[in-house]
Amino acid sequence: MSAITDEVVQKLLEFREVRDWEQFHTPRNLAASLVIEASELLECFRWARDEELDGIVVRERAHIEDELADVAILLTYLCIDMRVDINSAMKRKIQKNDEKYPVQLARGSAKKYDKF
């Protein structure tokens, strides 16, 4: 996986600016749009059996990539507008998860941390 480059971020910001869309990109609207796009990604797998998932990924790859791009674009706008350094936020969250899910309790388990 590669990171979102500064070049791509600049293109996103230019795309939005020339269309005068910043006015619509409130945190609430961006967060709502992020959920909607994530739902569209999930729709690619709706009603599928586990054994069908690999085939769906192959057949629907272009559509899945488009939906993932939409999610990443909206998350990028949200992070920029709210001045969130997503890498720092993720590092902090990994540390919190490390404390909530100690390896000796969580390894191989899908239980939530308060259900160990």
PDB file of N, CA and C in Angstrom:
ATOM      1  N   MET A   1       0.843  -1.186   0.000  1.00  0.00           N
ATOM      2  CA  MET A   1       0.000   0.000   0.000  1.00  0.00           C
ATOM      3  C   MET A   1       0.877   1.235   0.000  1.00  0.00           C
ATOM      4  N   SER A   2       0.490   2.197  -0.756  1.00  0.00           N
ATOM      5  CA  SER A   2       1.252   3.444  -0.790  1.00  0.00           C
ATOM      6  C   SER A   2       0.455   4.559  -0.118  1.00  0.00           C
ATOM      7  N   ALA A   3       1.178   5.552   0.338  1.00  0.00           N
ATOM      8  CA  ALA A   3       0.546   6.693   0.999  1.00  0.00           C
ATOM      9  C   ALA A   3       0.012   7.662  -0.044  1.00  0.00           C
ATOM     10  N   ILE A   4      -0.898   8.501   0.390  1.00  0.00           N
ATOM     11  CA  ILE A   4      -1.410   9.553  -0.477  1.00  0.00           C
ATOM     12  C   ILE A   4      -0.317  10.612  -0.589  1.00  0.00           C
ATOM     13  N   THR A   5       0.112  10.873  -1.793  1.00  0.00           N
ATOM     14  CA  THR A   5       1.238  11.790  -2.001  1.00  0.00           C
ATOM     15  C   THR A   5       0.792  13.246  -1.944  1.00  0.00           C
ATOM     16  N   ASP A   6       1.752  14.121  -1.719  1.00  0.00           N
ATOM     17  CA  ASP A   6       1.476  15.557  -1.730  1.00  0.00           C
ATOM     18  C   ASP A   6       0.932  15.993  -3.087  1.00  0.00           C
ATOM     19  N   GLU A   7       1.430  15.364  -4.154  1.00  0.00           N
ATOM     20  CA  GLU A   7       0.960  15.694  -5.503  1.00  0.00           C
ATOM     21  C   GLU A   7      -0.533  15.402  -5.640  1.00  0.00           C
ATOM     22  N   VAL A   8      -0.961  14.254  -5.134  1.00  0.00           N
ATOM     23  CA  VAL A   8      -2.380  13.887  -5.215  1.00  0.00           C
ATOM     24  C   VAL A   8      -3.216  14.817  -4.344  1.00  0.00           C
ATOM     25  N   VAL A   9      -2.730  15.131  -3.162  1.00  0.00           N
ATOM     26  CA  VAL A   9      -3.443  16.058  -2.283  1.00  0.00           C
ATOM     27  C   VAL A   9      -3.613  17.407  -2.967  1.00  0.00           C
ATOM     28  N   GLN A  10      -2.553  17.887  -3.601  1.00  0.00           N
ATOM     29  CA  GLN A  10      -2.629  19.172  -4.306  1.00  0.00           C
ATOM     30  C   GLN A  10      -3.661  19.122  -5.420  1.00  0.00           C
ATOM     31  N   LYS A  11      -3.705  18.024  -6.158  1.00  0.00           N
ATOM     32  CA  LYS A  11      -4.690  17.876  -7.231  1.00  0.00           C
ATOM     33  C   LYS A  11      -6.111  17.869  -6.661  1.00  0.00           C
ATOM     34  N   LEU A  12      -6.298  17.192  -5.532  1.00  0.00           N
ATOM     35  CA  LEU A  12      -7.612  17.176  -4.881  1.00  0.00           C
ATOM     36  C   LEU A  12      -8.041  18.585  -4.481  1.00  0.00           C
ATOM     37  N   LEU A  13      -7.116  19.321  -3.871  1.00  0.00           N
ATOM     38  CA  LEU A  13      -7.437  20.677  -3.423  1.00  0.00           C
ATOM     39  C   LEU A  13      -7.738  21.589  -4.605  1.00  0.00           C
ATOM     40  N   GLU A  14      -6.974  21.461  -5.685  1.00  0.00           N
ATOM     41  CA  GLU A  14      -7.225  22.258  -6.888  1.00  0.00           C
ATOM     42  C   GLU A  14      -8.575  21.894  -7.507  1.00  0.00           C
ATOM     43  N   PHE A  15      -8.869  20.604  -7.573  1.00  0.00           N
ATOM     44  CA  PHE A  15     -10.140  20.124  -8.116  1.00  0.00           C
ATOM     45  C   PHE A  15     -11.307  20.769  -7.376  1.00  0.00           C
ATOM     46  N   ARG A  16     -11.218  20.756  -6.048  1.00  0.00           N
ATOM     47  CA  ARG A  16     -12.279  21.308  -5.218  1.00  0.00           C
ATOM     48  C   ARG A  16     -12.350  22.828  -5.343  1.00  0.00           C
ATOM     49  N   GLU A  17     -11.205  23.470  -5.364  1.00  0.00           N
ATOM     50  CA  GLU A  17     -11.163  24.931  -5.393  1.00  0.00           C
ATOM     51  C   GLU A  17     -11.761  25.508  -6.677  1.00  0.00           C
ATOM     52  N   VAL A  18     -11.389  24.958  -7.830  1.00  0.00           N
ATOM     53  CA  VAL A  18     -11.884  25.514  -9.084  1.00  0.00           C
ATOM     54  C   VAL A  18     -13.392  25.297  -9.243  1.00  0.00           C
ATOM     55  N   ARG A  19     -13.957  24.368  -8.527  1.00  0.00           N
ATOM     56  CA  ARG A  19     -15.397  24.122  -8.570  1.00  0.00           C
ATOM     57  C   ARG A  19     -16.146  24.861  -7.453  1.00  0.00           C
ATOM     58  N   ASP A  20     -15.380  25.556  -6.592  1.00  0.00           N
ATOM     59  CA  ASP A  20     -15.952  26.291  -5.470  1.00  0.00           C
ATOM     60  C   ASP A  20     -16.792  25.374  -4.574  1.00  0.00           C
ATOM     61  N   TRP A  21     -16.247  24.209  -4.278  1.00  0.00           N
ATOM     62  CA  TRP A  21     -16.956  23.232  -3.458  1.00  0.00           C
ATOM     63  C   TRP A  21     -16.593  23.312  -1.975  1.00  0.00           C
ATOM     64  N   GLU A  22     -15.587  24.109  -1.625  1.00  0.00           N
ATOM     65  CA  GLU A  22     -15.216  24.206  -0.209  1.00  0.00           C
ATOM     66  C   GLU A  22     -16.416  24.601   0.635  1.00  0.00           C
ATOM     67  N   GLN A  23     -17.292  25.429   0.083  1.00  0.00           N
ATOM     68  CA  GLN A  23     -18.458  25.903   0.823  1.00  0.00           C
ATOM     69  C   GLN A  23     -19.378  24.766   1.270  1.00  0.00           C
ATOM     70  N   PHE A  24     -19.341  23.654   0.573  1.00  0.00           N
ATOM     71  CA  PHE A  24     -20.192  22.514   0.908  1.00  0.00           C
ATOM     72  C   PHE A  24     -19.474  21.500   1.803  1.00  0.00           C
ATOM     73  N   HIS A  25     -18.160  21.649   1.935  1.00  0.00           N
ATOM     74  CA  HIS A  25     -17.357  20.652   2.634  1.00  0.00           C
ATOM     75  C   HIS A  25     -17.209  20.968   4.113  1.00  0.00           C
ATOM     76  N   THR A  26     -18.328  21.010   4.793  1.00  0.00           N
ATOM     77  CA  THR A  26     -18.295  21.149   6.242  1.00  0.00           C
ATOM     78  C   THR A  26     -17.898  19.799   6.833  1.00  0.00           C
ATOM     79  N   PRO A  27     -17.403  19.779   8.060  1.00  0.00           N
ATOM     80  CA  PRO A  27     -17.076  18.478   8.667  1.00  0.00           C
ATOM     81  C   PRO A  27     -18.260  17.509   8.658  1.00  0.00           C
ATOM     82  N   ARG A  28     -19.454  18.004   8.937  1.00  0.00           N
ATOM     83  CA  ARG A  28     -20.632  17.130   8.934  1.00  0.00           C
ATOM     84  C   ARG A  28     -20.902  16.569   7.547  1.00  0.00           C
ATOM     85  N   ASN A  29     -20.858  17.428   6.527  1.00  0.00           N
ATOM     86  CA  ASN A  29     -21.127  16.958   5.167  1.00  0.00           C
ATOM     87  C   ASN A  29     -20.064  15.985   4.684  1.00  0.00           C
ATOM     88  N   LEU A  30     -18.811  16.268   4.993  1.00  0.00           N
ATOM     89  CA  LEU A  30     -17.742  15.348   4.595  1.00  0.00           C
ATOM     90  C   LEU A  30     -17.863  14.020   5.327  1.00  0.00           C
ATOM     91  N   ALA A  31     -18.161  14.058   6.629  1.00  0.00           N
ATOM     92  CA  ALA A  31     -18.313  12.813   7.397  1.00  0.00           C
ATOM     93  C   ALA A  31     -19.498  12.001   6.880  1.00  0.00           C
ATOM     94  N   ALA A  32     -20.596  12.678   6.587  1.00  0.00           N
ATOM     95  CA  ALA A  32     -21.763  11.976   6.039  1.00  0.00           C
ATOM     96  C   ALA A  32     -21.431  11.355   4.686  1.00  0.00           C
ATOM     97  N   SER A  33     -20.748  12.110   3.849  1.00  0.00           N
ATOM     98  CA  SER A  33     -20.367  11.597   2.526  1.00  0.00           C
ATOM     99  C   SER A  33     -19.404  10.427   2.640  1.00  0.00           C
ATOM    100  N   LEU A  34     -18.526  10.483   3.623  1.00  0.00           N
ATOM    101  CA  LEU A  34     -17.589   9.388   3.862  1.00  0.00           C
ATOM    102  C   LEU A  34     -18.347   8.103   4.194  1.00  0.00           C
ATOM    103  N   VAL A  35     -19.351   8.204   5.046  1.00  0.00           N
ATOM    104  CA  VAL A  35     -20.167   7.040   5.405  1.00  0.00           C
ATOM    105  C   VAL A  35     -20.925   6.522   4.186  1.00  0.00           C
ATOM    106  N   ILE A  36     -21.460   7.416   3.398  1.00  0.00           N
ATOM    107  CA  ILE A  36     -22.198   7.013   2.193  1.00  0.00           C
ATOM    108  C   ILE A  36     -21.288   6.272   1.226  1.00  0.00           C
ATOM    109  N   GLU A  37     -20.088   6.811   1.004  1.00  0.00           N
ATOM    110  CA  GLU A  37     -19.157   6.149   0.087  1.00  0.00           C
ATOM    111  C   GLU A  37     -18.685   4.804   0.638  1.00  0.00           C
ATOM    112  N   ALA A  38     -18.479   4.724   1.948  1.00  0.00           N
ATOM    113  CA  ALA A  38     -18.110   3.441   2.557  1.00  0.00           C
ATOM    114  C   ALA A  38     -19.242   2.428   2.382  1.00  0.00           C
ATOM    115  N   SER A  39     -20.476   2.901   2.452  1.00  0.00           N
ATOM    116  CA  SER A  39     -21.625   2.021   2.215  1.00  0.00           C
ATOM    117  C   SER A  39     -21.667   1.541   0.771  1.00  0.00           C
ATOM    118  N   GLU A  40     -21.299   2.425  -0.147  1.00  0.00           N
ATOM    119  CA  GLU A  40     -21.246   2.015  -1.550  1.00  0.00           C
ATOM    120  C   GLU A  40     -20.167   0.960  -1.769  1.00  0.00           C
ATOM    121  N   LEU A  41     -19.076   1.057  -1.043  1.00  0.00           N
ATOM    122  CA  LEU A  41     -18.044   0.012  -1.095  1.00  0.00           C
ATOM    123  C   LEU A  41     -18.607  -1.309  -0.569  1.00  0.00           C
ATOM    124  N   LEU A  42     -19.298  -1.243   0.543  1.00  0.00           N
ATOM    125  CA  LEU A  42     -19.892  -2.446   1.136  1.00  0.00           C
ATOM    126  C   LEU A  42     -20.920  -3.087   0.214  1.00  0.00           C
ATOM    127  N   GLU A  43     -21.602  -2.248  -0.546  1.00  0.00           N
ATOM    128  CA  GLU A  43     -22.614  -2.750  -1.464  1.00  0.00           C
ATOM    129  C   GLU A  43     -22.026  -3.732  -2.484  1.00  0.00           C
ATOM    130  N   CYS A  44     -20.760  -3.587  -2.805  1.00  0.00           N
ATOM    131  CA  CYS A  44     -20.100  -4.514  -3.736  1.00  0.00           C
ATOM    132  C   CYS A  44     -20.152  -5.959  -3.227  1.00  0.00           C
ATOM    133  N   PHE A  45     -20.271  -6.120  -1.922  1.00  0.00           N
ATOM    134  CA  PHE A  45     -20.202  -7.451  -1.305  1.00  0.00           C
ATOM    135  C   PHE A  45     -21.544  -7.911  -0.725  1.00  0.00           C
ATOM    136  N   ARG A  46     -22.580  -7.098  -0.920  1.00  0.00           N
ATOM    137  CA  ARG A  46     -23.875  -7.412  -0.312  1.00  0.00           C
ATOM    138  C   ARG A  46     -24.392  -8.752  -0.795  1.00  0.00           C
ATOM    139  N   TRP A  47     -24.875  -9.520   0.147  1.00  0.00           N
ATOM    140  CA  TRP A  47     -25.482 -10.829  -0.055  1.00  0.00           C
ATOM    141  C   TRP A  47     -24.509 -11.900  -0.520  1.00  0.00           C
ATOM    142  N   ALA A  48     -23.250 -11.599  -0.560  1.00  0.00           N
ATOM    143  CA  ALA A  48     -22.260 -12.584  -1.019  1.00  0.00           C
ATOM    144  C   ALA A  48     -21.920 -13.564   0.097  1.00  0.00           C
ATOM    145  N   ARG A  49     -21.680 -14.790  -0.296  1.00  0.00           N
ATOM    146  CA  ARG A  49     -21.172 -15.799   0.635  1.00  0.00           C
ATOM    147  C   ARG A  49     -19.662 -15.616   0.733  1.00  0.00           C
ATOM    148  N   ASP A  50     -19.096 -16.049   1.846  1.00  0.00           N
ATOM    149  CA  ASP A  50     -17.657 -15.892   2.046  1.00  0.00           C
ATOM    150  C   ASP A  50     -16.851 -16.495   0.896  1.00  0.00           C
ATOM    151  N   GLU A  51     -17.295 -17.626   0.406  1.00  0.00           N
ATOM    152  CA  GLU A  51     -16.547 -18.293  -0.669  1.00  0.00           C
ATOM    153  C   GLU A  51     -16.651 -17.541  -2.003  1.00  0.00           C
ATOM    154  N   GLU A  52     -17.532 -16.571  -2.107  1.00  0.00           N
ATOM    155  CA  GLU A  52     -17.679 -15.785  -3.335  1.00  0.00           C
ATOM    156  C   GLU A  52     -16.834 -14.510  -3.333  1.00  0.00           C
ATOM    157  N   LEU A  53     -16.282 -14.148  -2.191  1.00  0.00           N
ATOM    158  CA  LEU A  53     -15.620 -12.855  -2.050  1.00  0.00           C
ATOM    159  C   LEU A  53     -14.415 -12.683  -2.978  1.00  0.00           C
ATOM    160  N   ASP A  54     -13.577 -13.692  -3.089  1.00  0.00           N
ATOM    161  CA  ASP A  54     -12.403 -13.569  -3.970  1.00  0.00           C
ATOM    162  C   ASP A  54     -12.816 -13.294  -5.413  1.00  0.00           C
ATOM    163  N   GLY A  55     -13.840 -13.989  -5.882  1.00  0.00           N
ATOM    164  CA  GLY A  55     -14.322 -13.775  -7.246  1.00  0.00           C
ATOM    165  C   GLY A  55     -14.902 -12.388  -7.437  1.00  0.00           C
ATOM    166  N   ILE A  56     -15.598 -11.896  -6.431  1.00  0.00           N
ATOM    167  CA  ILE A  56     -16.166 -10.545  -6.504  1.00  0.00           C
ATOM    168  C   ILE A  56     -15.053  -9.518  -6.606  1.00  0.00           C
ATOM    169  N   VAL A  57     -14.008  -9.697  -5.815  1.00  0.00           N
ATOM    170  CA  VAL A  57     -12.879  -8.749  -5.850  1.00  0.00           C
ATOM    171  C   VAL A  57     -12.261  -8.720  -7.245  1.00  0.00           C
ATOM    172  N   VAL A  58     -12.155  -9.862  -7.879  1.00  0.00           N
ATOM    173  CA  VAL A  58     -11.591  -9.916  -9.233  1.00  0.00           C
ATOM    174  C   VAL A  58     -12.542  -9.257 -10.236  1.00  0.00           C
ATOM    175  N   ARG A  59     -13.813  -9.658 -10.208  1.00  0.00           N
ATOM    176  CA  ARG A  59     -14.797  -9.151 -11.174  1.00  0.00           C
ATOM    177  C   ARG A  59     -15.094  -7.670 -11.002  1.00  0.00           C
ATOM    178  N   GLU A  60     -15.151  -7.223  -9.764  1.00  0.00           N
ATOM    179  CA  GLU A  60     -15.576  -5.857  -9.456  1.00  0.00           C
ATOM    180  C   GLU A  60     -14.410  -4.929  -9.104  1.00  0.00           C
ATOM    181  N   ARG A  61     -13.204  -5.340  -9.449  1.00  0.00           N
ATOM    182  CA  ARG A  61     -12.017  -4.600  -9.012  1.00  0.00           C
ATOM    183  C   ARG A  61     -12.078  -3.102  -9.355  1.00  0.00           C
ATOM    184  N   ALA A  62     -12.429  -2.761 -10.565  1.00  0.00           N
ATOM    185  CA  ALA A  62     -12.469  -1.348 -10.968  1.00  0.00           C
ATOM    186  C   ALA A  62     -13.486  -0.582 -10.129  1.00  0.00           C
ATOM    187  N   HIS A  63     -14.648  -1.164  -9.919  1.00  0.00           N
ATOM    188  CA  HIS A  63     -15.679  -0.518  -9.102  1.00  0.00           C
ATOM    189  C   HIS A  63     -15.212  -0.384  -7.649  1.00  0.00           C
ATOM    190  N   ILE A  64     -14.622  -1.425  -7.109  1.00  0.00           N
ATOM    191  CA  ILE A  64     -14.107  -1.397  -5.734  1.00  0.00           C
ATOM    192  C   ILE A  64     -13.036  -0.321  -5.593  1.00  0.00           C
ATOM    193  N   GLU A  65     -12.137  -0.234  -6.561  1.00  0.00           N
ATOM    194  CA  GLU A  65     -11.100   0.802  -6.521  1.00  0.00           C
ATOM    195  C   GLU A  65     -11.706   2.199  -6.563  1.00  0.00           C
ATOM    196  N   ASP A  66     -12.745   2.389  -7.377  1.00  0.00           N
ATOM    197  CA  ASP A  66     -13.416   3.690  -7.422  1.00  0.00           C
ATOM    198  C   ASP A  66     -14.014   4.050  -6.061  1.00  0.00           C
ATOM    199  N   GLU A  67     -14.656   3.091  -5.434  1.00  0.00           N
ATOM    200  CA  GLU A  67     -15.277   3.357  -4.126  1.00  0.00           C
ATOM    201  C   GLU A  67     -14.215   3.609  -3.054  1.00  0.00           C
ATOM    202  N   LEU A  68     -13.134   2.847  -3.091  1.00  0.00           N
ATOM    203  CA  LEU A  68     -12.039   3.096  -2.148  1.00  0.00           C
ATOM    204  C   LEU A  68     -11.440   4.484  -2.363  1.00  0.00           C
ATOM    205  N   ALA A  69     -11.316   4.889  -3.625  1.00  0.00           N
ATOM    206  CA  ALA A  69     -10.797   6.226  -3.926  1.00  0.00           C
ATOM    207  C   ALA A  69     -11.731   7.296  -3.379  1.00  0.00           C
ATOM    208  N   ASP A  70     -13.038   7.108  -3.532  1.00  0.00           N
ATOM    209  CA  ASP A  70     -13.993   8.072  -2.986  1.00  0.00           C
ATOM    210  C   ASP A  70     -13.843   8.199  -1.470  1.00  0.00           C
ATOM    211  N   VAL A  71     -13.694   7.071  -0.788  1.00  0.00           N
ATOM    212  CA  VAL A  71     -13.502   7.082   0.664  1.00  0.00           C
ATOM    213  C   VAL A  71     -12.218   7.828   1.018  1.00  0.00           C
ATOM    214  N   ALA A  72     -11.140   7.519   0.314  1.00  0.00           N
ATOM    215  CA  ALA A  72      -9.853   8.159   0.600  1.00  0.00           C
ATOM    216  C   ALA A  72      -9.892   9.660   0.314  1.00  0.00           C
ATOM    217  N   ILE A  73     -10.557  10.052  -0.759  1.00  0.00           N
ATOM    218  CA  ILE A  73     -10.664  11.471  -1.102  1.00  0.00           C
ATOM    219  C   ILE A  73     -11.404  12.231  -0.008  1.00  0.00           C
ATOM    220  N   LEU A  74     -12.539  11.709   0.408  1.00  0.00           N
ATOM    221  CA  LEU A  74     -13.319  12.393   1.446  1.00  0.00           C
ATOM    222  C   LEU A  74     -12.581  12.431   2.768  1.00  0.00           C
ATOM    223  N   LEU A  75     -11.908  11.343   3.124  1.00  0.00           N
ATOM    224  CA  LEU A  75     -11.124  11.332   4.358  1.00  0.00           C
ATOM    225  C   LEU A  75      -9.988  12.351   4.280  1.00  0.00           C
ATOM    226  N   THR A  76      -9.381  12.466   3.114  1.00  0.00           N
ATOM    227  CA  THR A  76      -8.306  13.447   2.927  1.00  0.00           C
ATOM    228  C   THR A  76      -8.826  14.868   3.096  1.00  0.00           C
ATOM    229  N   TYR A  77      -9.944  15.169   2.465  1.00  0.00           N
ATOM    230  CA  TYR A  77     -10.533  16.506   2.637  1.00  0.00           C
ATOM    231  C   TYR A  77     -10.846  16.779   4.111  1.00  0.00           C
ATOM    232  N   LEU A  78     -11.414  15.814   4.774  1.00  0.00           N
ATOM    233  CA  LEU A  78     -11.784  15.982   6.181  1.00  0.00           C
ATOM    234  C   LEU A  78     -10.551  16.231   7.045  1.00  0.00           C
ATOM    235  N   CYS A  79      -9.505  15.468   6.823  1.00  0.00           N
ATOM    236  CA  CYS A  79      -8.269  15.647   7.590  1.00  0.00           C
ATOM    237  C   CYS A  79      -7.644  17.016   7.319  1.00  0.00           C
ATOM    238  N   ILE A  80      -7.614  17.422   6.059  1.00  0.00           N
ATOM    239  CA  ILE A  80      -7.037  18.729   5.719  1.00  0.00           C
ATOM    240  C   ILE A  80      -7.848  19.848   6.364  1.00  0.00           C
ATOM    241  N   ASP A  81      -9.151  19.800   6.193  1.00  0.00           N
ATOM    242  CA  ASP A  81     -10.005  20.875   6.694  1.00  0.00           C
ATOM    243  C   ASP A  81     -10.003  20.966   8.215  1.00  0.00           C
ATOM    244  N   MET A  82      -9.846  19.827   8.887  1.00  0.00           N
ATOM    245  CA  MET A  82      -9.846  19.821  10.352  1.00  0.00           C
ATOM    246  C   MET A  82      -8.432  19.856  10.932  1.00  0.00           C
ATOM    247  N   ARG A  83      -7.454  19.962  10.034  1.00  0.00           N
ATOM    248  CA  ARG A  83      -6.043  20.007  10.428  1.00  0.00           C
ATOM    249  C   ARG A  83      -5.656  18.796  11.298  1.00  0.00           C
ATOM    250  N   VAL A  84      -6.023  17.631  10.810  1.00  0.00           N
ATOM    251  CA  VAL A  84      -5.686  16.377  11.482  1.00  0.00           C
ATOM    252  C   VAL A  84      -4.531  15.727  10.729  1.00  0.00           C
ATOM    253  N   ASP A  85      -3.452  15.466  11.436  1.00  0.00           N
ATOM    254  CA  ASP A  85      -2.349  14.695  10.866  1.00  0.00           C
ATOM    255  C   ASP A  85      -2.730  13.231  11.035  1.00  0.00           C
ATOM    256  N   ILE A  86      -3.219  12.634   9.957  1.00  0.00           N
ATOM    257  CA  ILE A  86      -3.763  11.285  10.046  1.00  0.00           C
ATOM    258  C   ILE A  86      -2.710  10.264  10.465  1.00  0.00           C
ATOM    259  N   ASN A  87      -1.462  10.450  10.066  1.00  0.00           N
ATOM    260  CA  ASN A  87      -0.416   9.511  10.479  1.00  0.00           C
ATOM    261  C   ASN A  87      -0.215   9.558  11.991  1.00  0.00           C
ATOM    262  N   SER A  88      -0.172  10.746  12.560  1.00  0.00           N
ATOM    263  CA  SER A  88      -0.031  10.877  14.013  1.00  0.00           C
ATOM    264  C   SER A  88      -1.256  10.323  14.723  1.00  0.00           C
ATOM    265  N   ALA A  89      -2.434  10.614  14.196  1.00  0.00           N
ATOM    266  CA  ALA A  89      -3.666  10.101  14.807  1.00  0.00           C
ATOM    267  C   ALA A  89      -3.693   8.573  14.775  1.00  0.00           C
ATOM    268  N   MET A  90      -3.251   8.002  13.663  1.00  0.00           N
ATOM    269  CA  MET A  90      -3.230   6.536  13.561  1.00  0.00           C
ATOM    270  C   MET A  90      -2.226   5.926  14.529  1.00  0.00           C
ATOM    271  N   LYS A  91      -1.064   6.543  14.675  1.00  0.00           N
ATOM    272  CA  LYS A  91      -0.066   6.037  15.630  1.00  0.00           C
ATOM    273  C   LYS A  91      -0.618   6.051  17.044  1.00  0.00           C
ATOM    274  N   ARG A  92      -1.303   7.154  17.414  1.00  0.00           N
ATOM    275  CA  ARG A  92      -1.914   7.220  18.747  1.00  0.00           C
ATOM    276  C   ARG A  92      -2.974   6.136  18.920  1.00  0.00           C
ATOM    277  N   LYS A  93      -3.773   5.921  17.881  1.00  0.00           N
ATOM    278  CA  LYS A  93      -4.832   4.918  17.956  1.00  0.00           C
ATOM    279  C   LYS A  93      -4.255   3.506  18.043  1.00  0.00           C
ATOM    280  N   ILE A  94      -3.182   3.253  17.316  1.00  0.00           N
ATOM    281  CA  ILE A  94      -2.522   1.939  17.419  1.00  0.00           C
ATOM    282  C   ILE A  94      -2.059   1.699  18.846  1.00  0.00           C
ATOM    283  N   GLN A  95      -1.487   2.726  19.483  1.00  0.00           N
ATOM    284  CA  GLN A  95      -1.039   2.603  20.864  1.00  0.00           C
ATOM    285  C   GLN A  95      -2.221   2.303  21.787  1.00  0.00           C
ATOM    286  N   LYS A  96      -3.319   3.006  21.617  1.00  0.00           N
ATOM    287  CA  LYS A  96      -4.514   2.751  22.431  1.00  0.00           C
ATOM    288  C   LYS A  96      -5.015   1.326  22.222  1.00  0.00           C
ATOM    289  N   ASN A  97      -5.063   0.901  20.957  1.00  0.00           N
ATOM    290  CA  ASN A  97      -5.520  -0.462  20.659  1.00  0.00           C
ATOM    291  C   ASN A  97      -4.571  -1.506  21.220  1.00  0.00           C
ATOM    292  N   ASP A  98      -3.281  -1.201  21.220  1.00  0.00           N
ATOM    293  CA  ASP A  98      -2.296  -2.112  21.790  1.00  0.00           C
ATOM    294  C   ASP A  98      -2.571  -2.329  23.275  1.00  0.00           C
ATOM    295  N   GLU A  99      -2.973  -1.264  23.951  1.00  0.00           N
ATOM    296  CA  GLU A  99      -3.290  -1.366  25.382  1.00  0.00           C
ATOM    297  C   GLU A  99      -4.625  -2.079  25.611  1.00  0.00           C
ATOM    298  N   LYS A 100      -5.606  -1.834  24.755  1.00  0.00           N
ATOM    299  CA  LYS A 100      -6.933  -2.445  24.909  1.00  0.00           C
ATOM    300  C   LYS A 100      -6.943  -3.910  24.488  1.00  0.00           C
ATOM    301  N   TYR A 101      -6.071  -4.268  23.567  1.00  0.00           N
ATOM    302  CA  TYR A 101      -6.043  -5.621  23.016  1.00  0.00           C
ATOM    303  C   TYR A 101      -4.668  -6.254  23.202  1.00  0.00           C
ATOM    304  N   PRO A 102      -4.293  -6.592  24.443  1.00  0.00           N
ATOM    305  CA  PRO A 102      -2.987  -7.223  24.652  1.00  0.00           C
ATOM    306  C   PRO A 102      -2.923  -8.563  23.907  1.00  0.00           C
ATOM    307  N   VAL A 103      -1.781  -8.826  23.340  1.00  0.00           N
ATOM    308  CA  VAL A 103      -1.615 -10.011  22.501  1.00  0.00           C
ATOM    309  C   VAL A 103      -2.073 -11.277  23.217  1.00  0.00           C
ATOM    310  N   GLN A 104      -1.709 -11.432  24.473  1.00  0.00           N
ATOM    311  CA  GLN A 104      -2.029 -12.670  25.188  1.00  0.00           C
ATOM    312  C   GLN A 104      -3.539 -12.890  25.319  1.00  0.00           C
ATOM    313  N   LEU A 105      -4.340 -11.827  25.233  1.00  0.00           N
ATOM    314  CA  LEU A 105      -5.795 -11.971  25.310  1.00  0.00           C
ATOM    315  C   LEU A 105      -6.467 -11.908  23.933  1.00  0.00           C
ATOM    316  N   ALA A 106      -5.903 -11.160  23.042  1.00  0.00           N
ATOM    317  CA  ALA A 106      -6.580 -10.878  21.778  1.00  0.00           C
ATOM    318  C   ALA A 106      -6.173 -11.790  20.623  1.00  0.00           C
ATOM    319  N   ARG A 107      -5.026 -12.427  20.701  1.00  0.00           N
ATOM    320  CA  ARG A 107      -4.531 -13.214  19.574  1.00  0.00           C
ATOM    321  C   ARG A 107      -5.549 -14.273  19.150  1.00  0.00           C
ATOM    322  N   GLY A 108      -5.960 -14.183  17.895  1.00  0.00           N
ATOM    323  CA  GLY A 108      -6.889 -15.158  17.323  1.00  0.00           C
ATOM    324  C   GLY A 108      -8.332 -14.982  17.772  1.00  0.00           C
ATOM    325  N   SER A 109      -8.637 -13.917  18.496  1.00  0.00           N
ATOM    326  CA  SER A 109      -9.985 -13.698  19.015  1.00  0.00           C
ATOM    327  C   SER A 109     -10.608 -12.467  18.353  1.00  0.00           C
ATOM    328  N   ALA A 110     -11.889 -12.553  18.053  1.00  0.00           N
ATOM    329  CA  ALA A 110     -12.617 -11.416  17.491  1.00  0.00           C
ATOM    330  C   ALA A 110     -13.423 -10.695  18.574  1.00  0.00           C
ATOM    331  N   LYS A 111     -13.214 -11.066  19.831  1.00  0.00           N
ATOM    332  CA  LYS A 111     -13.959 -10.443  20.929  1.00  0.00           C
ATOM    333  C   LYS A 111     -13.524  -8.999  21.129  1.00  0.00           C
ATOM    334  N   LYS A 112     -14.493  -8.176  21.507  1.00  0.00           N
ATOM    335  CA  LYS A 112     -14.192  -6.786  21.843  1.00  0.00           C
ATOM    336  C   LYS A 112     -13.427  -6.771  23.166  1.00  0.00           C
ATOM    337  N   TYR A 113     -12.613  -5.716  23.350  1.00  0.00           N
ATOM    338  CA  TYR A 113     -11.726  -5.651  24.517  1.00  0.00           C
ATOM    339  C   TYR A 113     -12.454  -5.783  25.847  1.00  0.00           C
ATOM    340  N   ASP A 114     -13.697  -5.380  25.929  1.00  0.00           N
ATOM    341  CA  ASP A 114     -14.421  -5.485  27.203  1.00  0.00           C
ATOM    342  C   ASP A 114     -15.132  -6.826  27.371  1.00  0.00           C
ATOM    343  N   LYS A 115     -14.877  -7.747  26.460  1.00  0.00           N
ATOM    344  CA  LYS A 115     -15.509  -9.086  26.504  1.00  0.00           C
ATOM    345  C   LYS A 115     -14.518 -10.205  26.736  1.00  0.00           C
ATOM    346  N   PHE A 116     -13.225  -9.863  27.003  1.00  0.00           N
ATOM    347  CA  PHE A 116     -12.218 -10.911  27.245  1.00  0.00           C
ATOM    348  C   PHE A 116     -12.508 -11.607  28.550  1.00  0.00           C
TER     349      PHE A 116
END
